[in-house]
Amino acid sequence: MSFVTAKKTNSALSIRNLDAAQKLWDYMKLNQSLKQSDVIIALGSNDLRVAEVASDLFHRGMADWIVMSGKCGQLTQGKWPKSEAEMFFDVATSTGVPGDHIIVEDKSTNSGENARFTYDLLTKRNIPAESMILVQKPFMERRAYATFMKQWPRPVDITVTSQNISMMDYPNSDVGTLVDVISVLVGDMQRISLYAERGFQIVQEIPPDVWEAYVLLRESGWFESHLIA
């Protein structure tokens, strides 16, 4: 890392910005208690640890089926030689999950399509889905819940989970640097409000201090890469 790059990174990751990012991170995590469900749905992303969490849930007997859902999105376009779902499938089978208990949904490119396309596949296979465990990245729990509650065609009992990891420990070679992660987090926070207005998700209450943290990070100028213009 060059001196100039290091100086910019230090400016972006000021204590004030880190505190604000932590507030968003904590808001996005729902910390729900899990229960045995009909199906586990691992939502595709640039983080293969999502598939590891889903596989662990299967091995713990939390559901009889796993759906790996995702073709590619903004963060995985051209990243892997396979779709997100196929990459997740490989992770799951490497842990011992039987391939015939995994459903690969490799056409969706956003969370709404994750829900609709997965519903279609489960319906065609006559697999009940009255209850489900969604597995996502830690800071996308709330968005996943809000989207599926809106987009799933029938009433469903949804719980959401993710890897148990802190914001500071989360970055790796797949998801990028802490600045990268916070940039995506800021973009997702924008979508919590915007997508509810557009009818893509159910409305989520946003505490004033959480919105203030989002505005601070957005106006800092360091975390704009994932924002919708």
C-alpha atoms as a PDB file:
ATOM      1  CA  MET A   1       0.000   0.000   0.000  1.00  0.00           C
ATOM      2  CA  SER A   2       1.387   3.373  -1.023  1.00  0.00           C
ATOM      3  CA  PHE A   3       1.717   6.246   1.415  1.00  0.00           C
ATOM      4  CA  VAL A   4      -1.059   8.161  -0.372  1.00  0.00           C
ATOM      5  CA  THR A   5      -3.394   5.147  -0.331  1.00  0.00           C
ATOM      6  CA  ALA A   6      -2.680   4.516   3.346  1.00  0.00           C
ATOM      7  CA  LYS A   7      -3.395   8.161   4.172  1.00  0.00           C
ATOM      8  CA  LYS A   8      -6.739   8.033   2.328  1.00  0.00           C
ATOM      9  CA  THR A   9      -7.681   4.790   4.064  1.00  0.00           C
ATOM     10  CA  ASN A  10      -6.864   6.266   7.466  1.00  0.00           C
ATOM     11  CA  SER A  11      -9.049   9.266   6.665  1.00  0.00           C
ATOM     12  CA  ALA A  12     -11.950   7.070   5.553  1.00  0.00           C
ATOM     13  CA  LEU A  13     -11.662   4.865   8.632  1.00  0.00           C
ATOM     14  CA  SER A  14     -11.711   7.619  11.210  1.00  0.00           C
ATOM     15  CA  ILE A  15     -13.138   6.790  14.625  1.00  0.00           C
ATOM     16  CA  ARG A  16     -16.232   8.822  13.771  1.00  0.00           C
ATOM     17  CA  ASN A  17     -16.820   6.897  10.545  1.00  0.00           C
ATOM     18  CA  LEU A  18     -16.154   3.529  12.172  1.00  0.00           C
ATOM     19  CA  ASP A  19     -18.625   4.289  14.953  1.00  0.00           C
ATOM     20  CA  ALA A  20     -21.244   5.246  12.374  1.00  0.00           C
ATOM     21  CA  ALA A  21     -20.576   2.102  10.333  1.00  0.00           C
ATOM     22  CA  GLN A  22     -20.874  -0.054  13.444  1.00  0.00           C
ATOM     23  CA  LYS A  23     -24.280   1.489  14.147  1.00  0.00           C
ATOM     24  CA  LEU A  24     -25.455   0.503  10.654  1.00  0.00           C
ATOM     25  CA  TRP A  25     -23.941  -2.979  11.010  1.00  0.00           C
ATOM     26  CA  ASP A  26     -25.755  -3.552  14.304  1.00  0.00           C
ATOM     27  CA  TYR A  27     -29.048  -2.306  12.849  1.00  0.00           C
ATOM     28  CA  MET A  28     -28.810  -4.579   9.823  1.00  0.00           C
ATOM     29  CA  LYS A  29     -28.271  -7.712  11.942  1.00  0.00           C
ATOM     30  CA  LEU A  30     -31.558  -9.054  13.296  1.00  0.00           C
ATOM     31  CA  ASN A  31     -30.104 -11.610  15.752  1.00  0.00           C
ATOM     32  CA  GLN A  32     -33.121 -13.884  15.424  1.00  0.00           C
ATOM     33  CA  SER A  33     -33.429 -17.240  17.189  1.00  0.00           C
ATOM     34  CA  LEU A  34     -33.453 -20.116  14.715  1.00  0.00           C
ATOM     35  CA  LYS A  35     -35.864 -23.030  14.637  1.00  0.00           C
ATOM     36  CA  GLN A  36     -36.214 -26.102  12.495  1.00  0.00           C
ATOM     37  CA  SER A  37     -37.721 -25.135   9.144  1.00  0.00           C
ATOM     38  CA  ASP A  38     -38.764 -26.612   5.826  1.00  0.00           C
ATOM     39  CA  VAL A  39     -35.881 -25.189   3.848  1.00  0.00           C
ATOM     40  CA  ILE A  40     -32.625 -23.254   4.148  1.00  0.00           C
ATOM     41  CA  ILE A  41     -32.061 -20.622   1.468  1.00  0.00           C
ATOM     42  CA  ALA A  42     -28.498 -19.384   0.982  1.00  0.00           C
ATOM     43  CA  LEU A  43     -28.646 -16.064  -0.847  1.00  0.00           C
ATOM     44  CA  GLY A  44     -25.883 -15.665  -3.384  1.00  0.00           C
ATOM     45  CA  SER A  45     -23.226 -13.033  -2.891  1.00  0.00           C
ATOM     46  CA  ASN A  46     -19.480 -12.486  -3.046  1.00  0.00           C
ATOM     47  CA  ASP A  47     -19.056 -14.192   0.343  1.00  0.00           C
ATOM     48  CA  LEU A  48     -18.626 -17.978   0.233  1.00  0.00           C
ATOM     49  CA  ARG A  49     -18.958 -18.111   4.011  1.00  0.00           C
ATOM     50  CA  VAL A  50     -22.707 -17.796   3.466  1.00  0.00           C
ATOM     51  CA  ALA A  51     -22.636 -21.309   1.976  1.00  0.00           C
ATOM     52  CA  GLU A  52     -20.585 -22.551   4.930  1.00  0.00           C
ATOM     53  CA  VAL A  53     -23.197 -21.262   7.383  1.00  0.00           C
ATOM     54  CA  ALA A  54     -26.023 -22.833   5.369  1.00  0.00           C
ATOM     55  CA  SER A  55     -24.158 -26.144   5.255  1.00  0.00           C
ATOM     56  CA  ASP A  56     -23.628 -26.106   9.011  1.00  0.00           C
ATOM     57  CA  LEU A  57     -27.352 -25.539   9.538  1.00  0.00           C
ATOM     58  CA  PHE A  58     -28.129 -28.530   7.322  1.00  0.00           C
ATOM     59  CA  HIS A  59     -25.723 -30.739   9.245  1.00  0.00           C
ATOM     60  CA  ARG A  60     -27.392 -29.596  12.469  1.00  0.00           C
ATOM     61  CA  GLY A  61     -30.727 -30.850  11.127  1.00  0.00           C
ATOM     62  CA  MET A  62     -32.342 -27.422  10.811  1.00  0.00           C
ATOM     63  CA  ALA A  63     -33.933 -28.344   7.443  1.00  0.00           C
ATOM     64  CA  ASP A  64     -33.944 -31.162   4.901  1.00  0.00           C
ATOM     65  CA  TRP A  65     -33.258 -28.943   1.899  1.00  0.00           C
ATOM     66  CA  ILE A  66     -30.865 -26.182   0.952  1.00  0.00           C
ATOM     67  CA  VAL A  67     -31.477 -23.797  -1.929  1.00  0.00           C
ATOM     68  CA  MET A  68     -28.409 -22.060  -3.319  1.00  0.00           C
ATOM     69  CA  SER A  69     -29.801 -18.991  -5.047  1.00  0.00           C
ATOM     70  CA  GLY A  70     -27.978 -16.566  -7.327  1.00  0.00           C
ATOM     71  CA  LYS A  71     -26.540 -16.100 -10.787  1.00  0.00           C
ATOM     72  CA  CYS A  72     -24.472 -12.957 -10.336  1.00  0.00           C
ATOM     73  CA  GLY A  73     -24.883  -9.441  -9.038  1.00  0.00           C
ATOM     74  CA  GLN A  74     -23.006  -6.184  -9.018  1.00  0.00           C
ATOM     75  CA  LEU A  75     -20.326  -7.585  -6.721  1.00  0.00           C
ATOM     76  CA  THR A  76     -19.788 -10.917  -8.522  1.00  0.00           C
ATOM     77  CA  GLN A  77     -20.068  -9.988 -12.192  1.00  0.00           C
ATOM     78  CA  GLY A  78     -17.047 -11.696 -13.788  1.00  0.00           C
ATOM     79  CA  LYS A  79     -15.655 -12.701 -10.387  1.00  0.00           C
ATOM     80  CA  TRP A  80     -16.029 -16.491 -10.635  1.00  0.00           C
ATOM     81  CA  PRO A  81     -16.145 -19.039 -13.488  1.00  0.00           C
ATOM     82  CA  LYS A  82     -19.524 -20.237 -12.200  1.00  0.00           C
ATOM     83  CA  SER A  83     -22.692 -18.687 -10.877  1.00  0.00           C
ATOM     84  CA  GLU A  84     -22.958 -17.788  -7.200  1.00  0.00           C
ATOM     85  CA  ALA A  85     -25.327 -20.722  -6.706  1.00  0.00           C
ATOM     86  CA  GLU A  86     -22.895 -23.189  -8.277  1.00  0.00           C
ATOM     87  CA  MET A  87     -19.996 -21.846  -6.205  1.00  0.00           C
ATOM     88  CA  PHE A  88     -22.141 -22.229  -3.089  1.00  0.00           C
ATOM     89  CA  PHE A  89     -23.082 -25.764  -4.182  1.00  0.00           C
ATOM     90  CA  ASP A  90     -19.403 -26.694  -4.373  1.00  0.00           C
ATOM     91  CA  VAL A  91     -18.788 -25.329  -0.877  1.00  0.00           C
ATOM     92  CA  ALA A  92     -21.750 -27.256   0.537  1.00  0.00           C
ATOM     93  CA  THR A  93     -20.857 -30.600  -1.046  1.00  0.00           C
ATOM     94  CA  SER A  94     -17.251 -30.197   0.129  1.00  0.00           C
ATOM     95  CA  THR A  95     -18.612 -30.194   3.697  1.00  0.00           C
ATOM     96  CA  GLY A  96     -20.579 -33.385   3.093  1.00  0.00           C
ATOM     97  CA  VAL A  97     -24.020 -32.022   2.235  1.00  0.00           C
ATOM     98  CA  PRO A  98     -25.569 -34.531  -0.218  1.00  0.00           C
ATOM     99  CA  GLY A  99     -25.966 -32.990  -3.644  1.00  0.00           C
ATOM    100  CA  ASP A 100     -29.485 -34.398  -3.976  1.00  0.00           C
ATOM    101  CA  HIS A 101     -30.574 -32.273  -1.018  1.00  0.00           C
ATOM    102  CA  ILE A 102     -29.372 -29.061  -2.667  1.00  0.00           C
ATOM    103  CA  ILE A 103     -31.449 -27.102  -5.168  1.00  0.00           C
ATOM    104  CA  VAL A 104     -29.490 -24.774  -7.434  1.00  0.00           C
ATOM    105  CA  GLU A 105     -31.289 -21.614  -8.515  1.00  0.00           C
ATOM    106  CA  ASP A 106     -28.786 -19.963 -10.839  1.00  0.00           C
ATOM    107  CA  LYS A 107     -30.861 -17.378 -12.697  1.00  0.00           C
ATOM    108  CA  SER A 108     -31.530 -14.606 -10.145  1.00  0.00           C
ATOM    109  CA  THR A 109     -29.564 -11.351 -10.162  1.00  0.00           C
ATOM    110  CA  ASN A 110     -31.182  -9.552  -7.200  1.00  0.00           C
ATOM    111  CA  SER A 111     -32.937 -10.321  -3.921  1.00  0.00           C
ATOM    112  CA  GLY A 112     -36.426 -10.079  -5.368  1.00  0.00           C
ATOM    113  CA  GLU A 113     -35.568 -12.643  -8.009  1.00  0.00           C
ATOM    114  CA  ASN A 114     -33.960 -14.826  -5.321  1.00  0.00           C
ATOM    115  CA  ALA A 115     -37.381 -15.017  -3.693  1.00  0.00           C
ATOM    116  CA  ARG A 116     -39.541 -15.434  -6.783  1.00  0.00           C
ATOM    117  CA  PHE A 117     -37.326 -17.898  -8.653  1.00  0.00           C
ATOM    118  CA  THR A 118     -36.757 -20.001  -5.538  1.00  0.00           C
ATOM    119  CA  TYR A 119     -40.495 -20.128  -4.902  1.00  0.00           C
ATOM    120  CA  ASP A 120     -41.059 -21.377  -8.461  1.00  0.00           C
ATOM    121  CA  LEU A 121     -38.457 -24.142  -8.120  1.00  0.00           C
ATOM    122  CA  LEU A 122     -39.789 -25.350  -4.781  1.00  0.00           C
ATOM    123  CA  THR A 123     -43.355 -25.302  -6.083  1.00  0.00           C
ATOM    124  CA  LYS A 124     -42.428 -27.348  -9.151  1.00  0.00           C
ATOM    125  CA  ARG A 125     -40.728 -29.928  -6.919  1.00  0.00           C
ATOM    126  CA  ASN A 126     -43.636 -30.020  -4.459  1.00  0.00           C
ATOM    127  CA  ILE A 127     -41.298 -29.124  -1.612  1.00  0.00           C
ATOM    128  CA  PRO A 128     -43.150 -27.356   1.199  1.00  0.00           C
ATOM    129  CA  ALA A 129     -41.845 -23.954   2.197  1.00  0.00           C
ATOM    130  CA  GLU A 130     -44.115 -22.727   4.941  1.00  0.00           C
ATOM    131  CA  SER A 131     -41.046 -21.943   7.034  1.00  0.00           C
ATOM    132  CA  MET A 132     -37.521 -21.026   5.974  1.00  0.00           C
ATOM    133  CA  ILE A 133     -34.138 -19.944   7.221  1.00  0.00           C
ATOM    134  CA  LEU A 134     -32.501 -17.292   5.063  1.00  0.00           C
ATOM    135  CA  VAL A 135     -28.709 -17.162   5.180  1.00  0.00           C
ATOM    136  CA  GLN A 136     -27.010 -13.941   4.130  1.00  0.00           C
ATOM    137  CA  LYS A 137     -24.028 -11.760   4.868  1.00  0.00           C
ATOM    138  CA  PRO A 138     -24.233 -10.296   8.394  1.00  0.00           C
ATOM    139  CA  PHE A 139     -25.068  -6.766   7.285  1.00  0.00           C
ATOM    140  CA  MET A 140     -27.699  -7.932   4.780  1.00  0.00           C
ATOM    141  CA  GLU A 141     -29.944  -9.796   7.215  1.00  0.00           C
ATOM    142  CA  ARG A 142     -32.530  -7.033   7.438  1.00  0.00           C
ATOM    143  CA  ARG A 143     -32.683  -6.493   3.672  1.00  0.00           C
ATOM    144  CA  ALA A 144     -33.097 -10.222   3.062  1.00  0.00           C
ATOM    145  CA  TYR A 145     -35.940 -10.421   5.567  1.00  0.00           C
ATOM    146  CA  ALA A 146     -37.683  -7.314   4.264  1.00  0.00           C
ATOM    147  CA  THR A 147     -37.417  -8.508   0.658  1.00  0.00           C
ATOM    148  CA  PHE A 148     -38.679 -12.045   1.202  1.00  0.00           C
ATOM    149  CA  MET A 149     -41.553 -10.863   3.381  1.00  0.00           C
ATOM    150  CA  LYS A 150     -42.644  -8.690   0.446  1.00  0.00           C
ATOM    151  CA  GLN A 151     -41.735 -10.859  -2.540  1.00  0.00           C
ATOM    152  CA  TRP A 152     -42.592 -14.403  -1.375  1.00  0.00           C
ATOM    153  CA  PRO A 153     -45.965 -15.153  -2.999  1.00  0.00           C
ATOM    154  CA  ARG A 154     -47.514 -16.858   0.054  1.00  0.00           C
ATOM    155  CA  PRO A 155     -47.499 -16.289   3.827  1.00  0.00           C
ATOM    156  CA  VAL A 156     -44.309 -17.772   5.248  1.00  0.00           C
ATOM    157  CA  ASP A 157     -42.479 -18.005   8.563  1.00  0.00           C
ATOM    158  CA  ILE A 158     -39.043 -16.476   7.968  1.00  0.00           C
ATOM    159  CA  THR A 159     -35.965 -16.329  10.161  1.00  0.00           C
ATOM    160  CA  VAL A 160     -32.633 -14.930   9.025  1.00  0.00           C
ATOM    161  CA  THR A 161     -29.093 -15.719  10.089  1.00  0.00           C
ATOM    162  CA  SER A 162     -25.491 -15.141   9.066  1.00  0.00           C
ATOM    163  CA  GLN A 163     -21.928 -15.787  10.109  1.00  0.00           C
ATOM    164  CA  ASN A 164     -21.223 -14.765  13.699  1.00  0.00           C
ATOM    165  CA  ILE A 165     -18.410 -12.285  13.078  1.00  0.00           C
ATOM    166  CA  SER A 166     -17.617  -8.686  13.950  1.00  0.00           C
ATOM    167  CA  MET A 167     -17.515  -5.881  11.411  1.00  0.00           C
ATOM    168  CA  MET A 168     -13.783  -5.414  11.960  1.00  0.00           C
ATOM    169  CA  ASP A 169     -13.042  -9.115  11.384  1.00  0.00           C
ATOM    170  CA  TYR A 170     -15.389  -9.522   8.432  1.00  0.00           C
ATOM    171  CA  PRO A 171     -13.250  -8.294   5.469  1.00  0.00           C
ATOM    172  CA  ASN A 172     -11.338 -10.924   3.486  1.00  0.00           C
ATOM    173  CA  SER A 173     -10.052 -11.465  -0.040  1.00  0.00           C
ATOM    174  CA  ASP A 174     -13.552 -12.222  -1.365  1.00  0.00           C
ATOM    175  CA  VAL A 175     -15.497  -9.296   0.109  1.00  0.00           C
ATOM    176  CA  GLY A 176     -12.666  -6.754  -0.006  1.00  0.00           C
ATOM    177  CA  THR A 177     -11.277  -4.227   2.428  1.00  0.00           C
ATOM    178  CA  LEU A 178     -13.118  -2.614   5.314  1.00  0.00           C
ATOM    179  CA  VAL A 179     -13.684   0.456   3.145  1.00  0.00           C
ATOM    180  CA  ASP A 180     -15.247  -1.820   0.495  1.00  0.00           C
ATOM    181  CA  VAL A 181     -17.477  -3.478   3.071  1.00  0.00           C
ATOM    182  CA  ILE A 182     -18.658  -0.180   4.564  1.00  0.00           C
ATOM    183  CA  SER A 183     -19.383   1.131   1.064  1.00  0.00           C
ATOM    184  CA  VAL A 184     -21.691  -1.822   0.415  1.00  0.00           C
ATOM    185  CA  LEU A 185     -23.212  -1.398   3.873  1.00  0.00           C
ATOM    186  CA  VAL A 186     -24.004   2.256   3.149  1.00  0.00           C
ATOM    187  CA  GLY A 187     -25.581   1.280  -0.180  1.00  0.00           C
ATOM    188  CA  ASP A 188     -27.703  -1.370   1.499  1.00  0.00           C
ATOM    189  CA  MET A 189     -28.842   1.117   4.120  1.00  0.00           C
ATOM    190  CA  GLN A 190     -29.998   3.404   1.320  1.00  0.00           C
ATOM    191  CA  ARG A 191     -31.953   0.505  -0.173  1.00  0.00           C
ATOM    192  CA  ILE A 192     -33.733  -0.242   3.117  1.00  0.00           C
ATOM    193  CA  SER A 193     -35.493   3.101   2.721  1.00  0.00           C
ATOM    194  CA  LEU A 194     -35.622   3.437  -1.065  1.00  0.00           C
ATOM    195  CA  TYR A 195     -36.777  -0.090  -1.892  1.00  0.00           C
ATOM    196  CA  ALA A 196     -39.594   0.096   0.649  1.00  0.00           C
ATOM    197  CA  GLU A 197     -40.784   3.262  -1.095  1.00  0.00           C
ATOM    198  CA  ARG A 198     -40.639   1.464  -4.437  1.00  0.00           C
ATOM    199  CA  GLY A 199     -42.580  -1.535  -3.120  1.00  0.00           C
ATOM    200  CA  PHE A 200     -39.710  -4.026  -3.326  1.00  0.00           C
ATOM    201  CA  GLN A 201     -39.490  -4.628   0.432  1.00  0.00           C
ATOM    202  CA  ILE A 202     -41.681  -4.272   3.497  1.00  0.00           C
ATOM    203  CA  VAL A 203     -41.133  -1.077   5.461  1.00  0.00           C
ATOM    204  CA  GLN A 204     -38.524  -1.236   8.217  1.00  0.00           C
ATOM    205  CA  GLU A 205     -38.486   1.264  11.064  1.00  0.00           C
ATOM    206  CA  ILE A 206     -35.221   3.224  10.986  1.00  0.00           C
ATOM    207  CA  PRO A 207     -34.230   4.818  14.306  1.00  0.00           C
ATOM    208  CA  PRO A 208     -33.100   8.459  13.966  1.00  0.00           C
ATOM    209  CA  ASP A 209     -29.564   7.722  15.197  1.00  0.00           C
ATOM    210  CA  VAL A 210     -29.176   4.991  12.572  1.00  0.00           C
ATOM    211  CA  TRP A 211     -30.273   7.339   9.784  1.00  0.00           C
ATOM    212  CA  GLU A 212     -27.923  10.017  11.083  1.00  0.00           C
ATOM    213  CA  ALA A 213     -25.059   7.511  10.920  1.00  0.00           C
ATOM    214  CA  TYR A 214     -25.977   6.692   7.326  1.00  0.00           C
ATOM    215  CA  VAL A 215     -26.089  10.375   6.357  1.00  0.00           C
ATOM    216  CA  LEU A 216     -22.720  10.985   8.020  1.00  0.00           C
ATOM    217  CA  LEU A 217     -21.081   8.179   6.055  1.00  0.00           C
ATOM    218  CA  ARG A 218     -22.736   9.159   2.808  1.00  0.00           C
ATOM    219  CA  GLU A 219     -21.719  12.794   3.152  1.00  0.00           C
ATOM    220  CA  SER A 220     -18.148  11.866   4.087  1.00  0.00           C
ATOM    221  CA  GLY A 221     -17.521  11.109   0.402  1.00  0.00           C
ATOM    222  CA  TRP A 222     -15.615   7.893   1.102  1.00  0.00           C
ATOM    223  CA  PHE A 223     -18.350   5.313   0.697  1.00  0.00           C
ATOM    224  CA  GLU A 224     -20.316   6.157  -2.449  1.00  0.00           C
ATOM    225  CA  SER A 225     -19.492   3.233  -4.755  1.00  0.00           C
ATOM    226  CA  HIS A 226     -22.612   1.180  -3.976  1.00  0.00           C
ATOM    227  CA  LEU A 227     -25.136   4.016  -3.820  1.00  0.00           C
ATOM    228  CA  ILE A 228     -28.015   4.358  -6.276  1.00  0.00           C
ATOM    229  CA  ALA A 229     -27.824   7.710  -8.011  1.00  0.00           C
END
